[in-house]
Amino acid sequence: MSFAGTYELQSHENFEVFMKAIGLPDELIQIGKDIKSVTKIEQNGDHFVVTVTTGPKVLRNEFDIGKESEIETLTEEKIKTTVNIVDGKLVVQLKSVKSVTELSGDILTNVMTLRDIVYKRVCLQENGAGKRGLRRRRFRQQESAPVQSAPSGAGRRSRKQRWNRESFIISSSSPYNIQENVNLTSFEDSTELVIKDAIGHSCVNPHDATN
């Protein structure tokens, strides 16, 4: 399994409690709790380079699966330990802290456990499918324009079609040259796009007009 990629922190749980428990100073905890964090994983077979950039701080560790390596911790302590892959997860024991990293789709989850304290980090791969899905969901949640019925006779095909509609805004750079809320109607079995504007005019992509 490949963990390679760049992942941006989306959320974390029990950050302050965990950082206090491992001995991180309060001022660093306050600075770090809301700062942007990016994890970059480079992988070549069993060889890994993991770089975590949190604000100005960069934590870089290089190791081979199943071989003893020197790992730098969040408190800048260097520990000799071995990273293993267990059930597809990266597992390492850093003295009293157990770290488990799992990749599911483009979501990278890291769970660190110290006694009964569990610190969880959830990161999303940059430019991954999950990020595009988040953008689509946010877009749909912001939709306010009602969906209009399909214009009769607008399509070139006569048989019954299924229609999928999305309300969106076309910019002035679009070939449709409409700058207002419109309804996009697309055929399930055709690439033809038909747009009906707010005053009922049917507008077809001029690139398709030659057909």
C-alpha atoms as a PDB file:
ATOM      1  CA  MET A   1       0.000   0.000   0.000  1.00  0.00           C
ATOM      2  CA  SER A   2       1.307   3.443  -0.884  1.00  0.00           C
ATOM      3  CA  PHE A   3       1.056   6.244   1.674  1.00  0.00           C
ATOM      4  CA  ALA A   4       2.822   8.724  -0.612  1.00  0.00           C
ATOM      5  CA  GLY A   5       1.191  12.133  -0.881  1.00  0.00           C
ATOM      6  CA  THR A   6       0.742  15.515   0.734  1.00  0.00           C
ATOM      7  CA  TYR A   7      -1.946  15.776   3.402  1.00  0.00           C
ATOM      8  CA  GLU A   8      -3.404  18.872   5.045  1.00  0.00           C
ATOM      9  CA  LEU A   9      -4.708  18.755   8.615  1.00  0.00           C
ATOM     10  CA  GLN A  10      -8.515  19.054   8.756  1.00  0.00           C
ATOM     11  CA  SER A  11      -9.208  18.397  12.432  1.00  0.00           C
ATOM     12  CA  HIS A  12      -7.658  17.063  15.611  1.00  0.00           C
ATOM     13  CA  GLU A  13      -9.041  15.873  18.937  1.00  0.00           C
ATOM     14  CA  ASN A  14      -7.579  16.173  22.472  1.00  0.00           C
ATOM     15  CA  PHE A  15      -4.674  18.267  21.204  1.00  0.00           C
ATOM     16  CA  GLU A  16      -4.099  20.374  24.321  1.00  0.00           C
ATOM     17  CA  VAL A  17      -4.564  17.521  26.805  1.00  0.00           C
ATOM     18  CA  PHE A  18      -2.198  15.237  24.914  1.00  0.00           C
ATOM     19  CA  MET A  19       0.492  17.883  24.355  1.00  0.00           C
ATOM     20  CA  LYS A  20       0.476  18.784  28.050  1.00  0.00           C
ATOM     21  CA  ALA A  21       0.783  15.099  28.930  1.00  0.00           C
ATOM     22  CA  ILE A  22       3.922  14.644  26.784  1.00  0.00           C
ATOM     23  CA  GLY A  23       5.492  17.781  28.264  1.00  0.00           C
ATOM     24  CA  LEU A  24       5.074  20.412  25.550  1.00  0.00           C
ATOM     25  CA  PRO A  25       5.220  23.986  26.980  1.00  0.00           C
ATOM     26  CA  ASP A  26       1.891  25.846  27.248  1.00  0.00           C
ATOM     27  CA  GLU A  27       2.996  28.668  24.943  1.00  0.00           C
ATOM     28  CA  LEU A  28       3.789  26.194  22.162  1.00  0.00           C
ATOM     29  CA  ILE A  29       0.477  24.427  22.706  1.00  0.00           C
ATOM     30  CA  GLN A  30      -1.461  27.681  22.293  1.00  0.00           C
ATOM     31  CA  ILE A  31       0.475  28.555  19.145  1.00  0.00           C
ATOM     32  CA  GLY A  32       0.104  25.103  17.611  1.00  0.00           C
ATOM     33  CA  LYS A  33      -3.547  24.302  18.282  1.00  0.00           C
ATOM     34  CA  ASP A  34      -4.962  26.354  15.393  1.00  0.00           C
ATOM     35  CA  ILE A  35      -1.984  26.606  13.057  1.00  0.00           C
ATOM     36  CA  LYS A  36      -1.919  25.017   9.594  1.00  0.00           C
ATOM     37  CA  SER A  37      -0.161  21.652   9.460  1.00  0.00           C
ATOM     38  CA  VAL A  38       0.867  19.716   6.344  1.00  0.00           C
ATOM     39  CA  THR A  39       2.236  16.167   6.246  1.00  0.00           C
ATOM     40  CA  LYS A  40       4.266  15.025   3.243  1.00  0.00           C
ATOM     41  CA  ILE A  41       4.994  11.310   2.857  1.00  0.00           C
ATOM     42  CA  GLU A  42       7.542  10.036   0.362  1.00  0.00           C
ATOM     43  CA  GLN A  43       7.681   6.280  -0.103  1.00  0.00           C
ATOM     44  CA  ASN A  44       9.955   4.031  -2.093  1.00  0.00           C
ATOM     45  CA  GLY A  45       9.081   0.442  -1.270  1.00  0.00           C
ATOM     46  CA  ASP A  46       9.743   0.040   2.469  1.00  0.00           C
ATOM     47  CA  HIS A  47      11.675   3.300   2.696  1.00  0.00           C
ATOM     48  CA  PHE A  48       9.761   6.319   4.032  1.00  0.00           C
ATOM     49  CA  VAL A  49      10.491  10.007   4.473  1.00  0.00           C
ATOM     50  CA  VAL A  50       7.812  11.780   6.527  1.00  0.00           C
ATOM     51  CA  THR A  51       7.919  15.569   6.826  1.00  0.00           C
ATOM     52  CA  VAL A  52       5.408  17.391   9.027  1.00  0.00           C
ATOM     53  CA  THR A  53       5.364  21.174   8.643  1.00  0.00           C
ATOM     54  CA  THR A  54       3.434  23.060  11.324  1.00  0.00           C
ATOM     55  CA  GLY A  55       3.855  26.779  10.907  1.00  0.00           C
ATOM     56  CA  PRO A  56       7.616  27.464  11.019  1.00  0.00           C
ATOM     57  CA  LYS A  57       8.404  24.099  12.630  1.00  0.00           C
ATOM     58  CA  VAL A  58       9.484  21.205  10.403  1.00  0.00           C
ATOM     59  CA  LEU A  59       9.693  17.641  11.752  1.00  0.00           C
ATOM     60  CA  ARG A  60      11.379  15.200   9.351  1.00  0.00           C
ATOM     61  CA  ASN A  61      11.841  11.481   9.921  1.00  0.00           C
ATOM     62  CA  GLU A  62      13.341   8.868   7.606  1.00  0.00           C
ATOM     63  CA  PHE A  63      12.980   5.150   8.234  1.00  0.00           C
ATOM     64  CA  ASP A  64      12.678   1.664   6.732  1.00  0.00           C
ATOM     65  CA  ILE A  65       9.828  -0.635   7.662  1.00  0.00           C
ATOM     66  CA  GLY A  66      10.952  -3.360  10.072  1.00  0.00           C
ATOM     67  CA  LYS A  67      14.365  -1.790  10.725  1.00  0.00           C
ATOM     68  CA  GLU A  68      15.460   0.191  13.755  1.00  0.00           C
ATOM     69  CA  SER A  69      15.609   3.920  13.041  1.00  0.00           C
ATOM     70  CA  GLU A  70      16.047   7.138  14.980  1.00  0.00           C
ATOM     71  CA  ILE A  71      12.717   8.973  15.179  1.00  0.00           C
ATOM     72  CA  GLU A  72      12.321  12.553  16.374  1.00  0.00           C
ATOM     73  CA  THR A  73       9.207  13.132  18.485  1.00  0.00           C
ATOM     74  CA  LEU A  74       6.955  16.176  18.936  1.00  0.00           C
ATOM     75  CA  THR A  75       9.086  17.221  21.928  1.00  0.00           C
ATOM     76  CA  GLU A  76      12.237  17.054  19.732  1.00  0.00           C
ATOM     77  CA  GLU A  77      13.481  13.968  21.593  1.00  0.00           C
ATOM     78  CA  LYS A  78      15.156  11.379  19.367  1.00  0.00           C
ATOM     79  CA  ILE A  79      14.238   7.763  20.025  1.00  0.00           C
ATOM     80  CA  LYS A  80      15.550   4.555  18.482  1.00  0.00           C
ATOM     81  CA  THR A  81      12.559   2.446  17.510  1.00  0.00           C
ATOM     82  CA  THR A  82      11.090   0.349  14.690  1.00  0.00           C
ATOM     83  CA  VAL A  83       8.159   1.256  12.465  1.00  0.00           C
ATOM     84  CA  ASN A  84       6.081  -1.719  11.311  1.00  0.00           C
ATOM     85  CA  ILE A  85       3.094  -2.210   9.028  1.00  0.00           C
ATOM     86  CA  VAL A  86       0.261  -4.000  10.825  1.00  0.00           C
ATOM     87  CA  ASP A  87      -3.014  -4.629   8.946  1.00  0.00           C
ATOM     88  CA  GLY A  88      -2.023  -1.970   6.427  1.00  0.00           C
ATOM     89  CA  LYS A  89      -1.304   0.647   9.133  1.00  0.00           C
ATOM     90  CA  LEU A  90       1.997   2.256  10.137  1.00  0.00           C
ATOM     91  CA  VAL A  91       2.585   1.381  13.794  1.00  0.00           C
ATOM     92  CA  VAL A  92       5.403   2.623  16.027  1.00  0.00           C
ATOM     93  CA  GLN A  93       6.033   2.741  19.780  1.00  0.00           C
ATOM     94  CA  LEU A  94       7.687   5.957  20.960  1.00  0.00           C
ATOM     95  CA  LYS A  95       8.439   5.065  24.586  1.00  0.00           C
ATOM     96  CA  SER A  96       5.031   5.389  26.294  1.00  0.00           C
ATOM     97  CA  VAL A  97       3.291   6.765  23.193  1.00  0.00           C
ATOM     98  CA  LYS A  98       1.868   4.423  20.564  1.00  0.00           C
ATOM     99  CA  SER A  99       1.335   5.910  17.101  1.00  0.00           C
ATOM    100  CA  VAL A 100      -0.917   4.331  14.470  1.00  0.00           C
ATOM    101  CA  THR A 101      -1.294   5.882  10.996  1.00  0.00           C
ATOM    102  CA  GLU A 102      -3.952   4.688   8.568  1.00  0.00           C
ATOM    103  CA  LEU A 103      -4.794   5.721   5.010  1.00  0.00           C
ATOM    104  CA  SER A 104      -8.363   5.287   3.763  1.00  0.00           C
ATOM    105  CA  GLY A 105      -8.937   6.710   0.285  1.00  0.00           C
ATOM    106  CA  ASP A 106      -7.395  10.161   0.518  1.00  0.00           C
ATOM    107  CA  ILE A 107      -7.952  10.566   4.267  1.00  0.00           C
ATOM    108  CA  LEU A 108      -4.900  10.052   6.476  1.00  0.00           C
ATOM    109  CA  THR A 109      -5.648   9.397  10.144  1.00  0.00           C
ATOM    110  CA  ASN A 110      -3.014   9.366  12.876  1.00  0.00           C
ATOM    111  CA  VAL A 111      -3.895   8.235  16.393  1.00  0.00           C
ATOM    112  CA  MET A 112      -1.436   8.671  19.266  1.00  0.00           C
ATOM    113  CA  THR A 113      -2.216   7.018  22.584  1.00  0.00           C
ATOM    114  CA  LEU A 114      -0.615   7.831  25.937  1.00  0.00           C
ATOM    115  CA  ARG A 115      -2.177   5.847  28.753  1.00  0.00           C
ATOM    116  CA  ASP A 116      -5.884   6.809  28.559  1.00  0.00           C
ATOM    117  CA  ILE A 117      -5.312   9.935  26.438  1.00  0.00           C
ATOM    118  CA  VAL A 118      -6.029   9.552  22.722  1.00  0.00           C
ATOM    119  CA  TYR A 119      -4.913  12.253  20.301  1.00  0.00           C
ATOM    120  CA  LYS A 120      -6.417  11.955  16.808  1.00  0.00           C
ATOM    121  CA  ARG A 121      -5.376  13.843  13.666  1.00  0.00           C
ATOM    122  CA  VAL A 122      -7.411  13.703  10.441  1.00  0.00           C
ATOM    123  CA  CYS A 123      -5.707  14.923   7.261  1.00  0.00           C
ATOM    124  CA  LEU A 124      -6.989  15.170   3.680  1.00  0.00           C
ATOM    125  CA  GLN A 125      -4.802  14.585   0.645  1.00  0.00           C
ATOM    126  CA  GLU A 126      -4.269  17.734  -1.379  1.00  0.00           C
ATOM    127  CA  ASN A 127      -6.091  17.624  -4.744  1.00  0.00           C
ATOM    128  CA  GLY A 128      -7.618  14.286  -3.771  1.00  0.00           C
ATOM    129  CA  ALA A 129     -11.083  13.047  -4.734  1.00  0.00           C
ATOM    130  CA  GLY A 130     -12.325  13.630  -1.192  1.00  0.00           C
ATOM    131  CA  LYS A 131     -11.418  17.302  -1.422  1.00  0.00           C
ATOM    132  CA  ARG A 132     -13.300  17.654  -4.691  1.00  0.00           C
ATOM    133  CA  GLY A 133     -16.251  15.927  -3.042  1.00  0.00           C
ATOM    134  CA  LEU A 134     -16.156  18.406  -0.168  1.00  0.00           C
ATOM    135  CA  ARG A 135     -16.241  21.294  -2.637  1.00  0.00           C
ATOM    136  CA  ARG A 136     -19.229  19.760  -4.445  1.00  0.00           C
ATOM    137  CA  ARG A 137     -21.130  19.251  -1.183  1.00  0.00           C
ATOM    138  CA  ARG A 138     -20.469  22.835  -0.068  1.00  0.00           C
ATOM    139  CA  PHE A 139     -21.616  24.053  -3.490  1.00  0.00           C
ATOM    140  CA  ARG A 140     -24.868  22.132  -3.318  1.00  0.00           C
ATOM    141  CA  GLN A 141     -25.554  23.355   0.215  1.00  0.00           C
ATOM    142  CA  GLN A 142     -25.336  26.940  -1.055  1.00  0.00           C
ATOM    143  CA  GLU A 143     -27.811  26.412  -3.878  1.00  0.00           C
ATOM    144  CA  SER A 144     -30.869  28.611  -3.594  1.00  0.00           C
ATOM    145  CA  ALA A 145     -32.356  28.840  -7.089  1.00  0.00           C
ATOM    146  CA  PRO A 146     -35.337  26.507  -7.771  1.00  0.00           C
ATOM    147  CA  VAL A 147     -34.949  23.764 -10.339  1.00  0.00           C
ATOM    148  CA  GLN A 148     -36.974  24.385 -13.483  1.00  0.00           C
ATOM    149  CA  SER A 149     -38.563  21.709 -15.623  1.00  0.00           C
ATOM    150  CA  ALA A 150     -36.755  20.603 -18.765  1.00  0.00           C
ATOM    151  CA  PRO A 151     -37.578  22.745 -21.823  1.00  0.00           C
ATOM    152  CA  SER A 152     -39.744  20.835 -24.287  1.00  0.00           C
ATOM    153  CA  GLY A 153     -38.139  20.109 -27.645  1.00  0.00           C
ATOM    154  CA  ALA A 154     -34.751  21.458 -26.504  1.00  0.00           C
ATOM    155  CA  GLY A 155     -32.947  18.168 -27.080  1.00  0.00           C
ATOM    156  CA  ARG A 156     -32.094  16.652 -30.423  1.00  0.00           C
ATOM    157  CA  ARG A 157     -33.225  13.169 -29.302  1.00  0.00           C
ATOM    158  CA  SER A 158     -36.908  12.243 -29.302  1.00  0.00           C
ATOM    159  CA  ARG A 159     -36.947   9.321 -26.882  1.00  0.00           C
ATOM    160  CA  LYS A 160     -37.630   9.806 -23.187  1.00  0.00           C
ATOM    161  CA  GLN A 161     -34.654  11.190 -21.286  1.00  0.00           C
ATOM    162  CA  ARG A 162     -33.739  11.315 -17.630  1.00  0.00           C
ATOM    163  CA  TRP A 163     -32.684  14.774 -16.490  1.00  0.00           C
ATOM    164  CA  ASN A 164     -30.118  15.762 -13.858  1.00  0.00           C
ATOM    165  CA  ARG A 165     -30.204  19.402 -12.825  1.00  0.00           C
ATOM    166  CA  GLU A 166     -27.730  21.569 -10.926  1.00  0.00           C
ATOM    167  CA  SER A 167     -28.114  25.264 -10.187  1.00  0.00           C
ATOM    168  CA  PHE A 168     -24.907  27.162 -10.790  1.00  0.00           C
ATOM    169  CA  ILE A 169     -23.405  30.438 -11.992  1.00  0.00           C
ATOM    170  CA  ILE A 170     -21.735  30.723 -15.381  1.00  0.00           C
ATOM    171  CA  SER A 171     -18.966  33.320 -15.533  1.00  0.00           C
ATOM    172  CA  SER A 172     -18.524  35.892 -18.284  1.00  0.00           C
ATOM    173  CA  SER A 173     -15.717  33.784 -19.740  1.00  0.00           C
ATOM    174  CA  SER A 174     -18.135  30.927 -20.492  1.00  0.00           C
ATOM    175  CA  PRO A 175     -19.123  30.265 -24.146  1.00  0.00           C
ATOM    176  CA  TYR A 176     -22.748  30.635 -22.989  1.00  0.00           C
ATOM    177  CA  ASN A 177     -22.113  34.315 -22.173  1.00  0.00           C
ATOM    178  CA  ILE A 178     -24.724  34.422 -19.401  1.00  0.00           C
ATOM    179  CA  GLN A 179     -23.883  36.151 -16.098  1.00  0.00           C
ATOM    180  CA  GLU A 180     -26.727  35.142 -13.812  1.00  0.00           C
ATOM    181  CA  ASN A 181     -28.120  32.138 -11.973  1.00  0.00           C
ATOM    182  CA  VAL A 182     -29.195  29.503 -14.466  1.00  0.00           C
ATOM    183  CA  ASN A 183     -30.201  25.843 -14.469  1.00  0.00           C
ATOM    184  CA  LEU A 184     -27.926  23.358 -16.159  1.00  0.00           C
ATOM    185  CA  THR A 185     -29.730  20.352 -17.605  1.00  0.00           C
ATOM    186  CA  SER A 186     -27.696  17.470 -18.951  1.00  0.00           C
ATOM    187  CA  PHE A 187     -28.854  14.332 -20.745  1.00  0.00           C
ATOM    188  CA  GLU A 188     -27.890  11.095 -19.038  1.00  0.00           C
ATOM    189  CA  ASP A 189     -27.007   9.530 -22.400  1.00  0.00           C
ATOM    190  CA  SER A 190     -25.879  12.620 -24.307  1.00  0.00           C
ATOM    191  CA  THR A 191     -23.117  15.188 -24.025  1.00  0.00           C
ATOM    192  CA  GLU A 192     -25.446  17.950 -25.234  1.00  0.00           C
ATOM    193  CA  LEU A 193     -25.854  20.785 -22.727  1.00  0.00           C
ATOM    194  CA  VAL A 194     -28.974  22.888 -22.794  1.00  0.00           C
ATOM    195  CA  ILE A 195     -29.316  25.958 -20.605  1.00  0.00           C
ATOM    196  CA  LYS A 196     -32.534  27.727 -19.793  1.00  0.00           C
ATOM    197  CA  ASP A 197     -32.045  31.221 -18.444  1.00  0.00           C
ATOM    198  CA  ALA A 198     -34.233  33.157 -16.022  1.00  0.00           C
ATOM    199  CA  ILE A 199     -36.519  34.560 -18.732  1.00  0.00           C
ATOM    200  CA  GLY A 200     -37.138  31.293 -20.542  1.00  0.00           C
ATOM    201  CA  HIS A 201     -34.732  31.520 -23.479  1.00  0.00           C
ATOM    202  CA  SER A 202     -33.010  28.301 -24.517  1.00  0.00           C
ATOM    203  CA  CYS A 203     -29.266  28.726 -24.982  1.00  0.00           C
ATOM    204  CA  VAL A 204     -27.079  26.003 -26.518  1.00  0.00           C
ATOM    205  CA  ASN A 205     -23.298  25.924 -26.401  1.00  0.00           C
ATOM    206  CA  PRO A 206     -22.229  27.552 -29.718  1.00  0.00           C
ATOM    207  CA  HIS A 207     -19.557  24.895 -30.114  1.00  0.00           C
ATOM    208  CA  ASP A 208     -22.381  22.345 -30.492  1.00  0.00           C
ATOM    209  CA  ALA A 209     -24.414  24.432 -32.943  1.00  0.00           C
ATOM    210  CA  THR A 210     -22.693  22.990 -35.999  1.00  0.00           C
ATOM    211  CA  ASN A 211     -24.365  19.617 -35.410  1.00  0.00           C
END
